[in-house]
Protein backbone atom coordinates (compact mmCIF):
# COMPACT_ATOMS: atom_id res chain seq x y z
CA MET A 1 -15.13 -76.25 71.72
CA ARG A 2 -14.91 -80.01 71.17
CA ASN A 3 -13.68 -80.37 74.68
CA THR A 4 -16.45 -78.25 76.12
CA TYR A 5 -18.98 -80.27 74.08
CA ALA A 6 -17.60 -83.51 75.29
CA GLN A 7 -17.74 -82.47 78.95
CA GLN A 8 -21.35 -81.26 78.60
CA ASN A 9 -22.22 -84.67 77.21
CA LYS A 10 -20.33 -86.45 79.90
CA TRP A 11 -22.39 -84.65 82.62
CA ALA A 12 -25.71 -84.70 80.76
CA GLY A 13 -26.71 -88.16 82.04
CA TYR A 14 -25.90 -87.35 85.59
CA TRP A 15 -28.15 -84.24 85.33
CA PHE A 16 -30.97 -86.40 83.96
CA ILE A 17 -30.83 -88.89 86.84
CA LEU A 18 -30.23 -86.27 89.60
CA PRO A 19 -33.98 -85.58 90.36
CA SER A 20 -34.60 -89.43 90.69
CA LEU A 21 -31.54 -89.77 92.84
CA ILE A 22 -32.60 -86.93 95.15
CA ILE A 23 -36.05 -88.53 95.52
CA MET A 24 -34.56 -91.97 96.36
CA MET A 25 -32.26 -90.45 98.88
CA LEU A 26 -35.18 -88.65 100.65
CA LEU A 27 -37.60 -91.49 100.53
CA ILE A 28 -35.42 -94.64 100.85
CA ALA A 29 -31.92 -93.69 102.02
CA TYR A 30 -32.73 -91.23 104.68
CA PRO A 31 -35.36 -93.30 106.50
CA LEU A 32 -33.07 -96.35 106.47
CA LEU A 33 -30.19 -94.27 107.96
CA PHE A 34 -32.38 -92.52 110.45
CA GLY A 35 -33.89 -95.88 111.49
CA GLY A 36 -30.41 -97.28 112.08
CA TYR A 37 -29.54 -94.16 114.09
CA ILE A 38 -32.45 -94.15 116.47
CA SER A 39 -31.97 -98.06 117.02
CA LEU A 40 -29.02 -96.98 119.04
CA PHE A 41 -31.13 -94.88 121.57
CA ASN A 42 -33.83 -95.35 124.12
CA THR A 43 -36.06 -92.58 122.72
CA ASN A 44 -39.48 -91.24 122.36
CA LEU A 45 -38.41 -89.12 119.46
CA LEU A 46 -39.30 -85.92 121.35
CA ASN A 47 -37.30 -85.17 124.48
CA LYS A 48 -35.65 -88.52 125.43
CA TRP A 49 -32.51 -89.64 123.78
CA GLU A 50 -30.63 -92.10 125.94
CA PHE A 51 -27.76 -93.77 124.11
CA VAL A 52 -27.77 -97.53 124.59
CA GLY A 53 -25.60 -98.64 121.73
CA PHE A 54 -26.25 -102.15 120.39
CA ASP A 55 -28.24 -103.18 123.61
CA TYR A 56 -31.49 -103.59 121.69
CA TYR A 57 -29.81 -105.85 118.97
CA LEU A 58 -28.39 -108.14 121.79
CA GLN A 59 -31.65 -108.23 123.59
CA ALA A 60 -33.50 -109.21 120.43
CA ILE A 61 -31.08 -112.01 119.55
CA LYS A 62 -31.22 -113.37 123.16
CA ASP A 63 -34.96 -113.14 123.41
CA PRO A 64 -36.78 -116.43 122.82
CA GLU A 65 -40.03 -114.64 121.97
CA PHE A 66 -38.34 -112.67 119.31
CA LEU A 67 -36.83 -115.83 117.79
CA GLN A 68 -40.20 -117.46 117.96
CA LYS A 69 -41.79 -114.54 116.07
CA ILE A 70 -39.02 -114.67 113.42
CA GLY A 71 -39.71 -118.35 113.02
CA LEU A 72 -43.47 -117.67 112.68
CA THR A 73 -42.64 -115.03 109.97
CA PHE A 74 -40.55 -117.50 108.04
CA LYS A 75 -43.46 -119.99 108.26
CA TYR A 76 -45.94 -117.46 107.08
CA THR A 77 -43.66 -116.23 104.36
CA GLY A 78 -42.86 -119.66 103.11
CA LEU A 79 -46.53 -120.74 102.92
CA VAL A 80 -47.51 -117.64 100.99
CA VAL A 81 -44.60 -117.74 98.59
CA ILE A 82 -45.13 -121.37 97.74
CA GLY A 83 -48.81 -120.81 97.33
CA ASN A 84 -48.23 -117.85 95.07
CA LEU A 85 -45.70 -119.75 92.98
CA PHE A 86 -48.08 -122.77 92.65
CA VAL A 87 -51.26 -120.74 91.85
CA GLY A 88 -49.54 -118.14 89.76
CA THR A 89 -47.54 -120.55 87.65
CA PHE A 90 -50.50 -122.82 87.10
CA LEU A 91 -52.72 -119.97 85.90
CA ALA A 92 -49.97 -118.55 83.86
CA ILE A 93 -49.52 -121.91 82.02
CA ILE A 94 -53.26 -122.08 81.29
CA LEU A 95 -53.37 -118.41 80.15
CA ASN A 96 -50.43 -119.06 77.78
CA MET A 97 -52.56 -121.62 75.81
CA LYS A 98 -54.63 -120.60 73.00
CA LEU A 99 -57.99 -120.81 74.60
CA PRO A 100 -61.14 -118.83 73.78
CA GLY A 101 -61.68 -115.77 76.10
CA ARG A 102 -58.23 -115.89 77.61
CA LEU A 103 -57.95 -112.07 77.51
CA ILE A 104 -61.11 -111.76 79.61
CA PHE A 105 -59.71 -114.18 82.15
CA ARG A 106 -56.44 -112.40 82.35
CA ALA A 107 -58.29 -109.20 83.22
CA ILE A 108 -60.34 -110.97 85.90
CA LEU A 109 -57.50 -112.96 87.41
CA ILE A 110 -55.38 -109.90 87.77
CA LEU A 111 -58.06 -108.03 89.88
CA PRO A 112 -56.85 -109.12 93.33
CA TRP A 113 -53.51 -107.54 92.72
CA LEU A 114 -55.27 -104.18 91.87
CA PHE A 115 -57.25 -104.17 95.04
CA PRO A 116 -55.75 -102.32 98.13
CA ASP A 117 -54.63 -104.48 100.99
CA VAL A 118 -57.47 -103.07 103.17
CA VAL A 119 -60.14 -104.17 100.59
CA VAL A 120 -58.63 -107.65 100.44
CA ALA A 121 -58.43 -107.91 104.27
CA LEU A 122 -62.06 -106.77 104.73
CA LEU A 123 -63.26 -109.00 102.00
CA TRP A 124 -61.63 -112.14 103.48
CA LYS A 125 -62.80 -111.09 106.97
CA TRP A 126 -66.25 -111.21 105.73
CA LEU A 127 -65.73 -114.62 104.06
CA PHE A 128 -64.29 -116.13 107.23
CA ASN A 129 -67.04 -114.68 109.49
CA PRO A 130 -68.57 -117.53 111.59
CA LEU A 131 -72.11 -116.26 111.43
CA TYR A 132 -72.70 -115.13 107.87
CA GLY A 133 -69.36 -115.92 106.15
CA LEU A 134 -69.52 -117.64 102.76
CA ILE A 135 -66.86 -120.24 103.50
CA ASN A 136 -68.83 -121.70 106.44
CA HIS A 137 -71.88 -121.59 104.30
CA ILE A 138 -70.25 -123.60 101.49
CA LEU A 139 -68.66 -126.15 103.79
CA GLY A 140 -71.95 -126.56 105.70
CA GLY A 141 -73.90 -127.01 102.51
CA MET A 142 -71.44 -129.87 101.48
CA ASN A 143 -71.85 -131.37 105.02
CA LEU A 144 -68.09 -131.02 105.76
CA ILE A 145 -68.69 -129.14 109.00
CA SER A 146 -71.47 -129.67 111.48
CA GLU A 147 -71.20 -126.10 113.04
CA PRO A 148 -69.66 -122.85 111.90
CA ILE A 149 -65.95 -122.40 112.46
CA ALA A 150 -64.50 -119.09 113.84
CA TRP A 151 -61.59 -119.28 111.43
CA LEU A 152 -59.72 -116.15 112.58
CA ASP A 153 -60.50 -116.65 116.35
CA LYS A 154 -59.01 -120.01 116.81
CA PRO A 155 -55.22 -120.33 117.08
CA GLU A 156 -55.21 -123.57 114.91
CA PHE A 157 -57.06 -121.89 112.00
CA ALA A 158 -56.02 -118.19 112.17
CA LEU A 159 -52.68 -118.62 110.39
CA PHE A 160 -54.43 -120.62 107.63
CA GLY A 161 -56.89 -117.83 107.08
CA VAL A 162 -54.18 -115.10 106.84
CA VAL A 163 -52.16 -117.25 104.44
CA MET A 164 -55.23 -117.82 102.23
CA ALA A 165 -55.96 -114.08 102.06
CA SER A 166 -52.34 -113.28 101.30
CA ILE A 167 -52.14 -115.90 98.55
CA TRP A 168 -55.22 -114.51 96.92
CA LYS A 169 -53.68 -111.08 96.93
CA GLY A 170 -50.25 -112.12 95.78
CA TYR A 171 -50.68 -114.69 93.04
CA PRO A 172 -51.45 -112.30 90.23
CA LEU A 173 -47.96 -110.77 90.33
CA VAL A 174 -46.40 -114.27 89.98
CA MET A 175 -48.97 -115.02 87.19
CA ILE A 176 -47.89 -111.87 85.23
CA LEU A 177 -44.19 -112.43 85.55
CA VAL A 178 -44.37 -116.12 84.71
CA LEU A 179 -46.67 -115.49 81.85
CA ALA A 180 -44.23 -112.86 80.39
CA GLY A 181 -41.45 -115.54 80.94
CA LEU A 182 -43.44 -118.12 79.06
CA GLN A 183 -44.08 -115.89 76.10
CA SER A 184 -40.37 -115.02 75.80
CA ILE A 185 -39.49 -118.72 75.21
CA SER A 186 -39.15 -119.47 71.57
CA LYS A 187 -41.74 -121.82 70.01
CA ASP A 188 -39.00 -123.36 67.82
CA LEU A 189 -37.58 -125.00 70.92
CA TYR A 190 -40.82 -126.83 71.55
CA GLU A 191 -41.10 -127.81 67.87
CA ALA A 192 -37.61 -129.19 67.78
CA ALA A 193 -38.23 -131.13 71.02
CA GLU A 194 -41.42 -132.62 69.57
CA ILE A 195 -39.56 -133.69 66.42
CA ASP A 196 -36.97 -135.36 68.70
CA GLY A 197 -39.79 -137.28 70.39
CA ALA A 198 -40.00 -135.40 73.76
CA ASN A 199 -43.38 -135.41 75.51
CA LYS A 200 -45.06 -132.54 77.32
CA TRP A 201 -43.40 -133.29 80.58
CA LYS A 202 -39.95 -133.52 79.14
CA SER A 203 -40.48 -130.37 77.28
CA PHE A 204 -41.42 -128.63 80.50
CA LEU A 205 -38.55 -129.86 82.44
CA HIS A 206 -35.84 -129.18 79.81
CA ILE A 207 -37.24 -126.11 78.00
CA THR A 208 -39.94 -124.40 80.03
CA LEU A 209 -38.36 -124.61 83.53
CA PRO A 210 -34.83 -123.55 82.37
CA GLY A 211 -36.25 -120.67 80.35
CA LEU A 212 -38.34 -119.54 83.34
CA MET A 213 -35.60 -119.78 85.93
CA PRO A 214 -34.29 -116.14 85.56
CA VAL A 215 -37.97 -114.94 86.03
CA LEU A 216 -38.62 -117.38 88.81
CA VAL A 217 -35.43 -116.25 90.78
CA VAL A 218 -36.46 -112.53 90.62
CA THR A 219 -40.07 -113.48 91.46
CA ILE A 220 -39.06 -115.58 94.51
CA ILE A 221 -36.83 -112.83 95.82
CA LEU A 222 -39.56 -110.13 95.47
CA GLU A 223 -42.23 -112.33 96.94
CA THR A 224 -40.17 -113.45 99.87
CA VAL A 225 -38.89 -109.94 100.85
CA TRP A 226 -42.45 -108.44 100.37
CA TRP A 227 -44.31 -111.05 102.49
CA PHE A 228 -41.53 -111.34 105.12
CA LYS A 229 -42.30 -107.71 106.09
CA HIS A 230 -45.80 -107.64 105.30
CA PHE A 231 -48.12 -106.04 107.81
CA THR A 232 -51.47 -104.77 106.53
CA ILE A 233 -53.52 -107.98 105.81
CA VAL A 234 -52.27 -109.72 109.00
CA TRP A 235 -53.02 -106.73 111.12
CA LEU A 236 -56.57 -106.10 109.67
CA LEU A 237 -57.53 -109.74 109.89
CA THR A 238 -56.16 -110.88 113.31
CA ALA A 239 -53.96 -108.03 114.72
CA GLY A 240 -51.46 -110.76 115.61
CA GLY A 241 -53.95 -112.93 117.50
CA PRO A 242 -55.41 -115.03 118.76
CA VAL A 243 -52.86 -115.85 121.42
CA ASN A 244 -50.07 -114.57 119.03
CA ALA A 245 -50.86 -117.24 116.55
CA THR A 246 -50.39 -114.78 113.70
CA SER A 247 -47.96 -112.42 115.49
CA VAL A 248 -45.40 -112.03 112.76
CA ILE A 249 -42.40 -109.71 113.21
CA SER A 250 -44.04 -106.71 111.53
CA ILE A 251 -46.83 -106.81 114.11
CA ASP A 252 -44.26 -106.86 116.90
CA ILE A 253 -42.45 -103.89 115.45
CA TYR A 254 -45.73 -101.96 115.16
CA ASN A 255 -46.79 -102.82 118.73
CA THR A 256 -43.40 -101.92 120.12
CA ALA A 257 -43.27 -98.56 118.33
CA PHE A 258 -46.82 -97.29 118.41
CA GLN A 259 -48.32 -98.96 121.49
CA ASP A 260 -45.32 -99.27 123.88
CA PHE A 261 -43.55 -96.07 122.36
CA ARG A 262 -40.29 -97.82 122.45
CA PHE A 263 -39.06 -96.50 119.11
CA GLY A 264 -35.39 -97.39 119.55
CA LYS A 265 -36.22 -101.07 120.15
CA ALA A 266 -38.70 -101.12 117.25
CA ALA A 267 -36.03 -99.62 114.93
CA ALA A 268 -33.45 -102.16 115.99
CA THR A 269 -35.95 -105.00 115.18
CA ALA A 270 -36.67 -103.34 111.85
CA VAL A 271 -32.92 -103.16 111.10
CA ILE A 272 -32.52 -106.89 111.87
CA VAL A 273 -35.48 -107.64 109.53
CA PHE A 274 -33.74 -105.54 106.85
CA PHE A 275 -30.59 -107.59 107.11
CA ILE A 276 -32.53 -110.77 107.10
CA CYS A 277 -34.18 -109.75 103.85
CA LEU A 278 -30.72 -108.91 102.37
CA LEU A 279 -29.51 -112.35 103.48
CA ILE A 280 -32.60 -114.05 101.90
CA SER A 281 -31.93 -112.28 98.56
CA TYR A 282 -28.23 -113.14 98.59
CA LEU A 283 -28.99 -116.84 99.21
CA TYR A 284 -31.56 -116.98 96.50
CA ARG A 285 -29.16 -115.42 93.95
CA ARG A 286 -26.42 -117.75 95.25
CA PHE A 287 -28.26 -121.04 94.98
CA LEU A 288 -31.00 -120.47 92.45
CA ALA A 289 -29.61 -118.10 89.78
CA ASN A 290 -27.87 -119.49 86.76
CA ASP A 291 -24.21 -118.88 86.21
CA ASP A 292 -25.05 -116.45 83.35
CA ASN A 293 -26.85 -114.26 85.80
């Protein structure tokens, strides 16, 4: 009886995680494997399945336009992640202070994260509108511009507009994670540093920053992977234009699959993006994580 009871306890944990495991296999593992499978074919997913092997991968690596779009995606991702880290960390430090009404400001500042991407894109499209947009109105009222600027219609400004909208959408996640990290740092460390004569800057460098490093590593990995493959905001604001100024790799995958109906080539590009995200995560963990992690 003891052996039977021990065996039941041994398998009980597996039975509890089985439903979640099945759901993950259906929603995550199967699409990944199927995407890798169709990347080996020239297919329309209906009646055309011409095996091409790794031809699409070789074409992508040798294609200068593909490499240019990967470079643009890195640029877009880097600007958004840096902006999110700066804005989110700055606001988290302020909200961690004992200021009146900070709970209200926390609720207000988290709102962009709660809005759907479609709402965020439409809101910023209205703000950037050259005829009645609020941004041109403010800049014109301050005499900083002499005529309205078509922010999303000019190649030199389009990427800036997309990055601004993405930062506004993404900073609340960084703010929440950094704020949680700040509140986990013991106040005794700051008191001891103050007794030893350390100023605010030295306390930040030697206490706050090391204490936040585990949180920052996870945050940077999540942010980079998320924005590297982001699609919705870019598509709704510019659809990759003008003149491919904002044509990040997710836009290229969408156009290849659903406009050119070259699903095999699109899947191959998506697989390459997947491995790039894995490499980014590994490099972050390798060079930013502490030894204890």
